[in-house]
N, C-alpha and C. Protein backbone atom coordinates (compact mmCIF):
# COMPACT_ATOMS: atom_id res chain seq x y z
N UNK A 1 42.31 101.16 82.92
CA UNK A 1 42.84 99.86 82.57
C UNK A 1 42.42 98.86 83.65
N UNK A 2 41.96 97.71 83.22
CA UNK A 2 41.51 96.68 84.14
C UNK A 2 42.28 95.40 83.85
N UNK A 3 42.82 94.80 84.89
CA UNK A 3 43.49 93.51 84.76
C UNK A 3 42.54 92.43 85.22
N UNK A 4 42.35 91.41 84.39
CA UNK A 4 41.45 90.33 84.76
C UNK A 4 42.21 89.02 84.75
N UNK A 5 41.89 88.18 85.70
CA UNK A 5 42.48 86.85 85.76
C UNK A 5 41.51 85.87 85.11
N UNK A 6 42.00 85.25 84.03
CA UNK A 6 41.12 84.31 83.33
C UNK A 6 41.65 82.89 83.36
N UNK A 7 42.91 82.72 83.70
CA UNK A 7 43.52 81.39 83.70
C UNK A 7 43.53 80.83 85.13
N UNK A 8 42.81 79.72 85.38
CA UNK A 8 42.77 79.17 86.74
C UNK A 8 44.11 78.57 87.18
N UNK A 9 45.00 78.26 86.25
CA UNK A 9 46.30 77.66 86.58
C UNK A 9 47.43 78.68 86.60
N UNK A 10 47.09 79.96 86.49
CA UNK A 10 48.11 81.00 86.44
C UNK A 10 48.97 81.02 87.71
N UNK A 11 48.32 80.94 88.86
CA UNK A 11 49.06 80.99 90.12
C UNK A 11 49.97 79.77 90.24
N UNK A 12 49.51 78.60 89.85
CA UNK A 12 50.33 77.38 89.89
C UNK A 12 51.53 77.53 88.95
N UNK A 13 51.31 78.04 87.77
CA UNK A 13 52.38 78.26 86.81
C UNK A 13 53.41 79.24 87.35
N UNK A 14 52.95 80.31 87.99
CA UNK A 14 53.85 81.30 88.57
C UNK A 14 54.71 80.69 89.67
N UNK A 15 54.10 79.87 90.51
CA UNK A 15 54.85 79.23 91.59
C UNK A 15 55.90 78.26 91.06
N UNK A 16 55.57 77.47 90.05
CA UNK A 16 56.56 76.54 89.51
C UNK A 16 57.69 77.27 88.79
N UNK A 17 57.36 78.36 88.09
CA UNK A 17 58.42 79.15 87.44
C UNK A 17 59.32 79.80 88.48
N UNK A 18 58.74 80.25 89.58
CA UNK A 18 59.54 80.89 90.63
C UNK A 18 60.43 79.88 91.33
N UNK A 19 59.93 78.66 91.54
CA UNK A 19 60.71 77.63 92.24
C UNK A 19 61.77 77.02 91.35
N UNK A 20 61.42 76.72 90.11
CA UNK A 20 62.35 76.01 89.23
C UNK A 20 62.99 76.89 88.17
N UNK A 21 62.42 78.06 87.94
CA UNK A 21 62.97 78.98 86.96
C UNK A 21 62.62 78.57 85.54
N UNK A 22 62.99 79.42 84.62
CA UNK A 22 62.83 79.14 83.20
C UNK A 22 64.14 79.47 82.52
N UNK A 23 64.24 79.15 81.24
CA UNK A 23 65.47 79.48 80.54
C UNK A 23 65.63 80.99 80.38
N UNK A 24 64.53 81.72 80.35
CA UNK A 24 64.59 83.17 80.22
C UNK A 24 64.87 83.83 81.57
N UNK A 25 64.23 83.33 82.63
CA UNK A 25 64.41 83.91 83.96
C UNK A 25 64.67 82.81 84.98
N UNK A 26 65.92 82.54 85.28
CA UNK A 26 66.23 81.47 86.23
C UNK A 26 65.82 81.85 87.65
N UNK A 27 65.66 80.83 88.50
CA UNK A 27 65.26 81.06 89.88
C UNK A 27 66.43 81.52 90.74
N UNK A 28 67.64 81.45 90.26
CA UNK A 28 68.81 81.91 91.01
C UNK A 28 69.30 83.21 90.40
N UNK A 29 70.31 83.79 91.00
CA UNK A 29 70.82 85.07 90.51
C UNK A 29 71.71 84.87 89.28
N UNK A 30 71.37 85.52 88.16
CA UNK A 30 72.18 85.40 86.95
C UNK A 30 73.58 85.97 87.17
N UNK A 31 74.55 85.41 86.47
CA UNK A 31 75.94 85.77 86.70
C UNK A 31 76.70 85.81 85.37
N UNK A 32 77.66 86.72 85.27
CA UNK A 32 78.64 86.75 84.19
C UNK A 32 80.01 86.70 84.85
N UNK A 33 80.96 86.01 84.23
CA UNK A 33 82.33 85.94 84.75
C UNK A 33 83.29 85.99 83.58
N UNK A 34 84.40 86.72 83.75
CA UNK A 34 85.41 86.82 82.71
C UNK A 34 86.75 87.22 83.33
N UNK A 35 87.80 87.09 82.52
CA UNK A 35 89.15 87.44 82.97
C UNK A 35 89.62 88.66 82.21
N UNK A 36 90.22 89.59 82.96
CA UNK A 36 90.87 90.77 82.38
C UNK A 36 92.28 90.82 82.92
N UNK A 37 93.22 90.41 82.14
CA UNK A 37 94.62 90.45 82.56
C UNK A 37 94.89 89.59 83.78
N UNK A 38 95.28 90.23 84.88
CA UNK A 38 95.66 89.52 86.10
C UNK A 38 94.54 89.45 87.13
N UNK A 39 93.30 89.55 86.68
CA UNK A 39 92.16 89.47 87.60
C UNK A 39 90.94 88.86 86.92
N UNK A 40 90.09 88.25 87.74
CA UNK A 40 88.82 87.72 87.29
C UNK A 40 87.72 88.62 87.81
N UNK A 41 86.71 88.85 86.98
CA UNK A 41 85.57 89.67 87.38
C UNK A 41 84.31 88.83 87.31
N UNK A 42 83.45 88.98 88.30
CA UNK A 42 82.19 88.25 88.36
C UNK A 42 81.11 89.28 88.68
N UNK A 43 80.01 89.27 87.91
CA UNK A 43 78.90 90.18 88.17
C UNK A 43 77.62 89.38 88.34
N UNK A 44 76.86 89.73 89.37
CA UNK A 44 75.58 89.12 89.67
C UNK A 44 74.49 90.17 89.51
N UNK A 45 73.40 89.80 88.86
CA UNK A 45 72.25 90.70 88.75
C UNK A 45 71.37 90.53 89.98
N UNK A 46 71.22 91.62 90.74
CA UNK A 46 70.40 91.62 91.95
C UNK A 46 69.53 92.87 92.00
N UNK A 47 68.68 93.09 90.99
CA UNK A 47 67.86 94.31 91.02
C UNK A 47 66.85 94.28 92.15
N UNK A 48 66.67 95.42 92.78
CA UNK A 48 65.70 95.53 93.86
C UNK A 48 66.16 94.99 95.19
N UNK A 49 67.42 94.61 95.29
CA UNK A 49 67.97 94.08 96.54
C UNK A 49 68.71 95.20 97.26
N UNK A 50 68.42 95.37 98.54
CA UNK A 50 69.12 96.37 99.34
C UNK A 50 70.54 95.90 99.61
N UNK A 51 71.50 96.82 99.60
CA UNK A 51 72.91 96.44 99.76
C UNK A 51 73.19 95.81 101.12
N UNK A 52 72.43 96.18 102.16
CA UNK A 52 72.69 95.58 103.48
C UNK A 52 72.17 94.16 103.60
N UNK A 53 71.41 93.67 102.61
CA UNK A 53 70.95 92.27 102.66
C UNK A 53 71.90 91.33 101.91
N UNK A 54 72.95 91.88 101.30
CA UNK A 54 73.92 91.05 100.56
C UNK A 54 74.99 90.56 101.52
N UNK A 55 75.26 89.26 101.47
CA UNK A 55 76.25 88.64 102.35
C UNK A 55 77.22 87.83 101.50
N UNK A 56 78.52 88.10 101.67
CA UNK A 56 79.58 87.36 100.96
C UNK A 56 80.40 86.60 101.98
N UNK A 57 80.59 85.32 101.75
CA UNK A 57 81.42 84.48 102.61
C UNK A 57 82.45 83.76 101.76
N UNK A 58 83.67 83.65 102.29
CA UNK A 58 84.72 82.88 101.63
C UNK A 58 85.19 81.83 102.62
N UNK A 59 85.10 80.57 102.20
CA UNK A 59 85.59 79.47 103.02
C UNK A 59 86.39 78.55 102.11
N UNK A 60 87.66 78.43 102.42
CA UNK A 60 88.62 77.71 101.57
C UNK A 60 88.57 78.30 100.18
N UNK A 61 88.16 77.55 99.18
CA UNK A 61 88.11 78.10 97.82
C UNK A 61 86.67 78.27 97.32
N UNK A 62 85.70 78.43 98.24
CA UNK A 62 84.30 78.59 97.87
C UNK A 62 83.82 79.97 98.31
N UNK A 63 83.29 80.73 97.35
CA UNK A 63 82.68 82.02 97.63
C UNK A 63 81.17 81.83 97.58
N UNK A 64 80.49 82.22 98.66
CA UNK A 64 79.03 82.12 98.72
C UNK A 64 78.45 83.52 98.73
N UNK A 65 77.51 83.77 97.83
CA UNK A 65 76.81 85.05 97.75
C UNK A 65 75.36 84.79 98.14
N UNK A 66 74.89 85.55 99.14
CA UNK A 66 73.49 85.47 99.56
C UNK A 66 72.89 86.87 99.49
N UNK A 67 71.65 86.93 99.04
CA UNK A 67 70.95 88.20 98.98
C UNK A 67 69.46 87.93 99.21
N UNK A 68 68.76 88.98 99.65
CA UNK A 68 67.34 88.81 99.91
C UNK A 68 66.55 89.97 99.33
N UNK A 69 65.49 89.62 98.62
CA UNK A 69 64.49 90.59 98.20
C UNK A 69 63.25 90.25 99.01
N UNK A 70 62.95 91.07 100.03
CA UNK A 70 61.90 90.68 100.98
C UNK A 70 60.52 90.61 100.36
N UNK A 71 59.70 89.76 100.95
CA UNK A 71 58.31 89.62 100.54
C UNK A 71 57.55 90.82 101.07
N UNK A 72 56.68 91.36 100.25
CA UNK A 72 55.88 92.52 100.68
C UNK A 72 54.68 92.03 101.48
N UNK A 73 54.50 92.64 102.63
CA UNK A 73 53.37 92.31 103.49
C UNK A 73 52.47 93.54 103.58
N UNK A 74 51.25 93.29 103.91
CA UNK A 74 50.32 94.39 104.10
C UNK A 74 48.99 94.09 103.44
N UNK A 75 48.09 95.00 103.61
CA UNK A 75 46.76 94.86 103.03
C UNK A 75 46.78 95.49 101.66
N UNK A 76 46.83 94.66 100.65
CA UNK A 76 46.80 95.15 99.28
C UNK A 76 46.40 94.00 98.36
N UNK A 77 45.90 94.34 97.23
CA UNK A 77 45.55 93.35 96.23
C UNK A 77 46.69 93.25 95.23
N UNK A 78 47.27 92.06 95.12
CA UNK A 78 48.39 91.84 94.22
C UNK A 78 47.85 91.70 92.80
N UNK A 79 48.26 92.57 91.89
CA UNK A 79 47.81 92.53 90.51
C UNK A 79 48.77 91.73 89.63
N UNK A 80 50.04 91.81 89.93
CA UNK A 80 51.05 91.05 89.19
C UNK A 80 52.20 90.75 90.14
N UNK A 81 52.74 89.54 90.06
CA UNK A 81 53.87 89.15 90.91
C UNK A 81 54.83 88.31 90.07
N UNK A 82 55.61 88.98 89.23
CA UNK A 82 56.52 88.28 88.33
C UNK A 82 57.96 88.28 88.82
N UNK A 83 58.29 89.13 89.77
CA UNK A 83 59.65 89.20 90.29
C UNK A 83 59.77 88.25 91.48
N UNK A 84 60.72 87.32 91.43
CA UNK A 84 60.86 86.41 92.56
C UNK A 84 61.34 87.14 93.81
N UNK A 85 60.84 86.71 94.95
CA UNK A 85 61.20 87.31 96.24
C UNK A 85 61.67 86.22 97.16
N UNK A 86 62.42 86.62 98.16
CA UNK A 86 62.94 85.67 99.12
C UNK A 86 64.46 85.73 99.16
N UNK A 87 65.07 84.64 99.61
CA UNK A 87 66.53 84.57 99.74
C UNK A 87 67.11 83.86 98.53
N UNK A 88 68.14 84.45 97.94
CA UNK A 88 68.85 83.87 96.81
C UNK A 88 70.26 83.53 97.26
N UNK A 89 70.80 82.45 96.77
CA UNK A 89 72.15 82.04 97.15
C UNK A 89 72.84 81.41 95.96
N UNK A 90 74.13 81.68 95.85
CA UNK A 90 74.92 81.08 94.78
C UNK A 90 76.33 80.87 95.29
N UNK A 91 76.94 79.73 94.91
CA UNK A 91 78.30 79.42 95.32
C UNK A 91 79.20 79.31 94.09
N UNK A 92 80.41 79.84 94.24
CA UNK A 92 81.42 79.73 93.20
C UNK A 92 82.60 78.96 93.78
N UNK A 93 83.03 77.94 93.08
CA UNK A 93 84.22 77.19 93.49
C UNK A 93 85.37 77.74 92.67
N UNK A 94 86.33 78.34 93.37
CA UNK A 94 87.45 79.01 92.71
C UNK A 94 88.69 78.15 92.76
N UNK A 95 89.55 78.32 91.78
CA UNK A 95 90.79 77.57 91.69
C UNK A 95 91.83 78.08 92.68
N UNK A 96 92.87 77.29 92.85
CA UNK A 96 93.96 77.64 93.76
C UNK A 96 94.82 78.79 93.24
N UNK A 97 94.64 79.16 91.99
CA UNK A 97 95.48 80.20 91.40
C UNK A 97 94.95 81.61 91.66
N UNK A 98 93.89 81.74 92.49
CA UNK A 98 93.33 83.05 92.79
C UNK A 98 93.65 83.46 94.23
N UNK A 99 93.78 84.77 94.44
CA UNK A 99 94.10 85.31 95.76
C UNK A 99 92.80 85.64 96.50
N UNK A 100 92.31 84.70 97.29
CA UNK A 100 91.02 84.87 97.97
C UNK A 100 91.06 85.91 99.07
N UNK A 101 92.25 86.26 99.56
CA UNK A 101 92.37 87.29 100.60
C UNK A 101 92.22 88.70 100.04
N UNK A 102 92.27 88.85 98.73
CA UNK A 102 92.23 90.18 98.12
C UNK A 102 90.96 90.41 97.29
N UNK A 103 89.89 89.66 97.54
CA UNK A 103 88.64 89.84 96.79
C UNK A 103 88.03 91.19 97.17
N UNK A 104 87.62 91.94 96.15
CA UNK A 104 86.94 93.22 96.36
C UNK A 104 85.53 93.12 95.80
N UNK A 105 84.56 93.74 96.49
CA UNK A 105 83.17 93.69 96.06
C UNK A 105 82.58 95.09 96.03
N UNK A 106 81.74 95.34 95.03
CA UNK A 106 81.02 96.61 94.95
C UNK A 106 79.60 96.32 94.46
N UNK A 107 78.66 97.18 94.85
CA UNK A 107 77.26 97.00 94.46
C UNK A 107 76.72 98.33 93.97
N UNK A 108 76.36 98.37 92.69
CA UNK A 108 75.88 99.59 92.07
C UNK A 108 74.81 99.25 91.04
N UNK A 109 73.72 99.98 91.07
CA UNK A 109 72.64 99.85 90.07
C UNK A 109 72.13 98.42 89.96
N UNK A 110 72.04 97.71 91.09
CA UNK A 110 71.49 96.36 91.08
C UNK A 110 72.45 95.30 90.61
N UNK A 111 73.74 95.63 90.47
CA UNK A 111 74.75 94.66 90.02
C UNK A 111 75.84 94.55 91.08
N UNK A 112 76.03 93.33 91.57
CA UNK A 112 77.11 93.04 92.51
C UNK A 112 78.32 92.60 91.70
N UNK A 113 79.45 93.28 91.90
CA UNK A 113 80.68 92.96 91.15
C UNK A 113 81.76 92.51 92.11
N UNK A 114 82.35 91.34 91.80
CA UNK A 114 83.49 90.83 92.54
C UNK A 114 84.71 90.93 91.65
N UNK A 115 85.82 91.39 92.22
CA UNK A 115 87.10 91.43 91.52
C UNK A 115 88.03 90.52 92.29
N UNK A 116 88.50 89.46 91.61
CA UNK A 116 89.33 88.44 92.25
C UNK A 116 90.67 88.41 91.54
N UNK A 117 91.73 88.87 92.20
CA UNK A 117 93.05 88.89 91.55
C UNK A 117 93.67 87.49 91.47
N UNK A 118 94.52 87.33 90.48
CA UNK A 118 95.31 86.10 90.35
C UNK A 118 96.39 86.13 91.43
N UNK A 119 96.59 85.01 92.09
CA UNK A 119 97.59 84.93 93.15
C UNK A 119 98.99 85.09 92.58
N UNK A 120 99.89 85.67 93.36
CA UNK A 120 101.27 85.89 92.92
C UNK A 120 101.96 84.57 92.58
N UNK A 121 101.63 83.51 93.34
CA UNK A 121 102.27 82.21 93.09
C UNK A 121 101.81 81.59 91.76
N UNK A 122 100.71 82.08 91.20
CA UNK A 122 100.21 81.53 89.94
C UNK A 122 100.68 82.32 88.73
N UNK A 123 101.28 83.48 88.96
CA UNK A 123 101.75 84.30 87.85
C UNK A 123 103.06 83.73 87.32
N UNK A 124 103.28 83.85 86.02
CA UNK A 124 104.54 83.36 85.45
C UNK A 124 105.73 84.11 86.04
N UNK A 125 106.79 83.38 86.28
CA UNK A 125 108.02 83.96 86.82
C UNK A 125 109.18 83.62 85.88
N UNK A 126 110.16 84.49 85.89
CA UNK A 126 111.35 84.25 85.09
C UNK A 126 112.42 83.70 86.01
N UNK A 127 113.06 82.63 85.58
CA UNK A 127 114.12 82.00 86.35
C UNK A 127 115.43 82.29 85.66
N UNK A 128 116.36 82.91 86.39
CA UNK A 128 117.67 83.20 85.83
C UNK A 128 118.67 82.22 86.41
N UNK A 129 119.58 81.80 85.58
CA UNK A 129 120.60 80.84 85.99
C UNK A 129 121.93 81.57 86.04
N UNK A 130 122.60 81.53 87.19
CA UNK A 130 123.88 82.20 87.38
C UNK A 130 124.98 81.16 87.17
N UNK A 131 125.88 81.40 86.22
CA UNK A 131 126.99 80.48 85.96
C UNK A 131 128.31 81.24 85.97
N UNK A 132 129.34 80.52 86.24
CA UNK A 132 130.68 81.10 86.15
C UNK A 132 131.38 80.48 84.96
N UNK A 133 132.45 81.11 84.53
CA UNK A 133 133.15 80.64 83.33
C UNK A 133 133.77 79.26 83.52
N UNK A 134 134.22 78.90 84.74
CA UNK A 134 134.89 77.63 84.97
C UNK A 134 133.93 76.50 85.35
N UNK A 135 132.75 76.83 85.73
CA UNK A 135 131.83 75.83 86.25
C UNK A 135 130.68 75.60 85.26
N UNK A 136 130.40 74.36 84.93
CA UNK A 136 129.31 74.02 84.03
C UNK A 136 128.09 73.68 84.88
N UNK A 137 126.94 74.22 84.52
CA UNK A 137 125.72 74.02 85.30
C UNK A 137 124.75 73.14 84.53
N UNK A 138 124.21 72.14 85.20
CA UNK A 138 123.17 71.30 84.58
C UNK A 138 122.00 71.19 85.54
N UNK A 139 120.83 71.19 84.97
CA UNK A 139 119.61 70.97 85.74
C UNK A 139 118.99 69.70 85.18
N UNK A 140 118.84 68.71 86.04
CA UNK A 140 118.31 67.42 85.59
C UNK A 140 116.89 67.22 86.08
N UNK A 141 116.11 66.56 85.26
CA UNK A 141 114.75 66.18 85.65
C UNK A 141 113.80 67.34 85.80
N UNK A 142 114.12 68.49 85.25
CA UNK A 142 113.27 69.66 85.43
C UNK A 142 112.33 69.83 84.25
N UNK A 143 111.11 70.15 84.54
CA UNK A 143 110.15 70.51 83.51
C UNK A 143 109.56 71.84 83.89
N UNK A 144 109.21 72.61 82.90
CA UNK A 144 108.61 73.91 83.16
C UNK A 144 107.12 73.80 82.86
N UNK A 145 106.31 74.07 83.90
CA UNK A 145 104.85 74.01 83.77
C UNK A 145 104.28 75.31 84.31
N UNK A 146 103.63 76.09 83.44
CA UNK A 146 103.01 77.34 83.87
C UNK A 146 103.98 78.34 84.45
N UNK A 147 105.22 78.32 84.01
CA UNK A 147 106.18 79.30 84.47
C UNK A 147 106.92 78.91 85.73
N UNK A 148 106.76 77.70 86.22
CA UNK A 148 107.49 77.27 87.40
C UNK A 148 108.30 76.03 87.07
N UNK A 149 109.37 75.83 87.80
CA UNK A 149 110.20 74.65 87.59
C UNK A 149 109.75 73.59 88.57
N UNK A 150 109.40 72.40 88.03
CA UNK A 150 108.94 71.31 88.88
C UNK A 150 110.03 70.25 88.98
N UNK A 151 110.37 69.83 90.17
CA UNK A 151 111.32 68.75 90.45
C UNK A 151 112.67 68.95 89.77
N UNK A 152 113.24 70.12 89.91
CA UNK A 152 114.54 70.38 89.30
C UNK A 152 115.64 70.04 90.30
N UNK A 153 116.72 69.45 89.79
CA UNK A 153 117.87 69.14 90.63
C UNK A 153 119.07 69.88 90.07
N UNK A 154 119.74 70.60 90.93
CA UNK A 154 120.91 71.36 90.51
C UNK A 154 122.14 70.54 90.91
N UNK A 155 122.89 70.06 89.91
CA UNK A 155 124.06 69.23 90.20
C UNK A 155 125.31 70.03 90.45
N UNK A 156 125.30 71.35 90.15
CA UNK A 156 126.52 72.14 90.34
C UNK A 156 126.49 72.97 91.62
N UNK A 157 125.41 72.95 92.39
CA UNK A 157 125.30 73.66 93.66
C UNK A 157 125.40 75.18 93.50
N UNK A 158 125.00 75.72 92.35
CA UNK A 158 125.01 77.17 92.16
C UNK A 158 123.62 77.73 92.42
N UNK A 159 123.59 79.02 92.65
CA UNK A 159 122.32 79.67 93.01
C UNK A 159 121.42 79.83 91.80
N UNK A 160 120.13 79.59 92.03
CA UNK A 160 119.09 79.85 91.04
C UNK A 160 118.16 80.87 91.66
N UNK A 161 117.99 82.00 90.98
CA UNK A 161 117.12 83.03 91.53
C UNK A 161 115.83 83.08 90.74
N UNK A 162 114.72 83.28 91.46
CA UNK A 162 113.41 83.39 90.84
C UNK A 162 112.93 84.80 91.05
N UNK A 163 112.54 85.45 89.95
CA UNK A 163 112.04 86.83 90.09
C UNK A 163 110.62 86.91 89.61
């Protein structure tokens, strides 16, 4: 089998596709993200990347993923170069409802998986109201948003427990 180069603009086309990507093969790392119950899962495709070249950083609510597929050096004739090489980086801006201190990461078969749990403060809570037979309890100005009571005023001075 013989490979022949007949297109003089092939190398230029390859460089522009590698720099800017295409709809079929983007220049950044492809990602899937979804929610399963009380956690979010994110998977990045990083085939051919060594696990020790993957770097995860969390700063405030931004997760940065960096990985490198090194450039091959040496004396050889390149016949095809369709896989992008170099450093790849992607940032995810996460909401305040996630627990960034409990992020878990695993790398298997060229797929980096992040598991990000929902923060306890973002989970719905049940509020129980304790009343006595002689005392009437009223809560004024309270609205319930996402399972929490916002701006509630207790006029009877009785205990409200949140579980």
